């Protein structure tokens, strides 16, 4: 399973003054960055590591949402 198959969104946080990326299938994971792209790249690296770890330990890996669309939001 590839990190690219999951559903991502990146939004600007006025409160934190940074972009925050989230992935629908792993609600506990998020990443911050100076721009939408950097927050998404960081999060995809984390998701890749988590998927590898789950695979190696024989645990269940969340399936990608059916629509499989990547979402990007922000200001």
C-alpha atoms as a PDB file:
ATOM      1  CA  UNK A   1       0.000   0.000   0.000  1.00  0.00           C
ATOM      2  CA  UNK A   2       1.351   3.428  -0.959  1.00  0.00           C
ATOM      3  CA  UNK A   3       0.929   6.658   1.001  1.00  0.00           C
ATOM      4  CA  UNK A   4      -0.245   8.311  -2.229  1.00  0.00           C
ATOM      5  CA  UNK A   5      -3.474   6.262  -2.184  1.00  0.00           C
ATOM      6  CA  UNK A   6      -4.855   7.982   0.907  1.00  0.00           C
ATOM      7  CA  UNK A   7      -7.036  11.101   1.173  1.00  0.00           C
ATOM      8  CA  UNK A   8      -5.185  14.236   2.235  1.00  0.00           C
ATOM      9  CA  UNK A   9      -6.110  17.814   2.962  1.00  0.00           C
ATOM     10  CA  UNK A  10      -3.997  20.804   3.910  1.00  0.00           C
ATOM     11  CA  UNK A  11      -5.503  23.861   5.519  1.00  0.00           C
ATOM     12  CA  UNK A  12      -4.153  27.156   6.774  1.00  0.00           C
ATOM     13  CA  UNK A  13      -4.413  27.631  10.536  1.00  0.00           C
ATOM     14  CA  UNK A  14      -4.711  31.298  11.369  1.00  0.00           C
ATOM     15  CA  UNK A  15      -4.266  30.459  15.049  1.00  0.00           C
ATOM     16  CA  UNK A  16      -0.978  28.581  14.505  1.00  0.00           C
ATOM     17  CA  UNK A  17       0.038  30.640  11.439  1.00  0.00           C
ATOM     18  CA  UNK A  18       1.015  27.510   9.512  1.00  0.00           C
ATOM     19  CA  UNK A  19      -0.431  24.925   7.140  1.00  0.00           C
ATOM     20  CA  UNK A  20      -1.704  21.735   8.763  1.00  0.00           C
ATOM     21  CA  UNK A  21      -2.048  18.575   6.654  1.00  0.00           C
ATOM     22  CA  UNK A  22      -4.281  15.682   7.670  1.00  0.00           C
ATOM     23  CA  UNK A  23      -5.072  12.270   6.220  1.00  0.00           C
ATOM     24  CA  UNK A  24      -8.622  10.904   6.515  1.00  0.00           C
ATOM     25  CA  UNK A  25      -7.641   7.268   7.003  1.00  0.00           C
ATOM     26  CA  UNK A  26      -5.232   8.053   9.866  1.00  0.00           C
ATOM     27  CA  UNK A  27      -7.071  10.706  11.921  1.00  0.00           C
ATOM     28  CA  UNK A  28      -4.375  10.820  14.619  1.00  0.00           C
ATOM     29  CA  UNK A  29      -1.698  11.927  12.125  1.00  0.00           C
ATOM     30  CA  UNK A  30      -1.029  15.487  11.022  1.00  0.00           C
ATOM     31  CA  UNK A  31       1.920  17.552   9.869  1.00  0.00           C
ATOM     32  CA  UNK A  32       2.709  21.255   9.769  1.00  0.00           C
ATOM     33  CA  UNK A  33       4.597  23.268   7.201  1.00  0.00           C
ATOM     34  CA  UNK A  34       5.283  26.748   5.858  1.00  0.00           C
ATOM     35  CA  UNK A  35       3.220  25.952   2.773  1.00  0.00           C
ATOM     36  CA  UNK A  36       0.628  23.410   1.655  1.00  0.00           C
ATOM     37  CA  UNK A  37       3.163  21.346  -0.294  1.00  0.00           C
ATOM     38  CA  UNK A  38       5.659  20.974   2.529  1.00  0.00           C
ATOM     39  CA  UNK A  39       2.986  19.966   5.041  1.00  0.00           C
ATOM     40  CA  UNK A  40       1.634  17.337   2.628  1.00  0.00           C
ATOM     41  CA  UNK A  41       5.106  15.971   1.778  1.00  0.00           C
ATOM     42  CA  UNK A  42       5.946  15.645   5.459  1.00  0.00           C
ATOM     43  CA  UNK A  43       2.664  13.898   6.213  1.00  0.00           C
ATOM     44  CA  UNK A  44       3.064  11.469   3.295  1.00  0.00           C
ATOM     45  CA  UNK A  45       6.502  10.508   4.626  1.00  0.00           C
ATOM     46  CA  UNK A  46       4.986   9.826   8.035  1.00  0.00           C
ATOM     47  CA  UNK A  47       2.152   7.784   6.496  1.00  0.00           C
ATOM     48  CA  UNK A  48       4.696   5.772   4.477  1.00  0.00           C
ATOM     49  CA  UNK A  49       6.600   4.949   7.679  1.00  0.00           C
ATOM     50  CA  UNK A  50       3.411   4.012   9.543  1.00  0.00           C
ATOM     51  CA  UNK A  51       2.230   1.749   6.704  1.00  0.00           C
ATOM     52  CA  UNK A  52       5.635   0.019   6.586  1.00  0.00           C
ATOM     53  CA  UNK A  53       5.571  -0.476  10.351  1.00  0.00           C
ATOM     54  CA  UNK A  54       2.016  -1.871  10.299  1.00  0.00           C
ATOM     55  CA  UNK A  55       2.943  -4.211   7.445  1.00  0.00           C
ATOM     56  CA  UNK A  56       6.073  -5.483   9.203  1.00  0.00           C
ATOM     57  CA  UNK A  57       4.183  -6.101  12.435  1.00  0.00           C
ATOM     58  CA  UNK A  58       1.299  -7.859  10.663  1.00  0.00           C
ATOM     59  CA  UNK A  59      -1.273  -5.307  11.767  1.00  0.00           C
ATOM     60  CA  UNK A  60      -4.241  -4.194   9.715  1.00  0.00           C
ATOM     61  CA  UNK A  61      -3.608  -1.267   7.378  1.00  0.00           C
ATOM     62  CA  UNK A  62      -6.461   1.200   6.833  1.00  0.00           C
ATOM     63  CA  UNK A  63      -7.906   0.994   3.343  1.00  0.00           C
ATOM     64  CA  UNK A  64      -7.997   4.162   1.244  1.00  0.00           C
ATOM     65  CA  UNK A  65     -11.334   5.949   1.086  1.00  0.00           C
ATOM     66  CA  UNK A  66     -13.400   4.888  -1.892  1.00  0.00           C
ATOM     67  CA  UNK A  67     -13.169   8.166  -3.780  1.00  0.00           C
ATOM     68  CA  UNK A  68      -9.377   8.228  -3.441  1.00  0.00           C
ATOM     69  CA  UNK A  69      -9.318  11.952  -4.193  1.00  0.00           C
ATOM     70  CA  UNK A  70      -6.688  14.178  -2.711  1.00  0.00           C
ATOM     71  CA  UNK A  71      -8.080  17.345  -1.262  1.00  0.00           C
ATOM     72  CA  UNK A  72      -6.205  20.555  -0.830  1.00  0.00           C
ATOM     73  CA  UNK A  73      -7.675  23.491   1.014  1.00  0.00           C
ATOM     74  CA  UNK A  74      -6.193  26.656   2.255  1.00  0.00           C
ATOM     75  CA  UNK A  75      -5.889  30.361   1.836  1.00  0.00           C
END
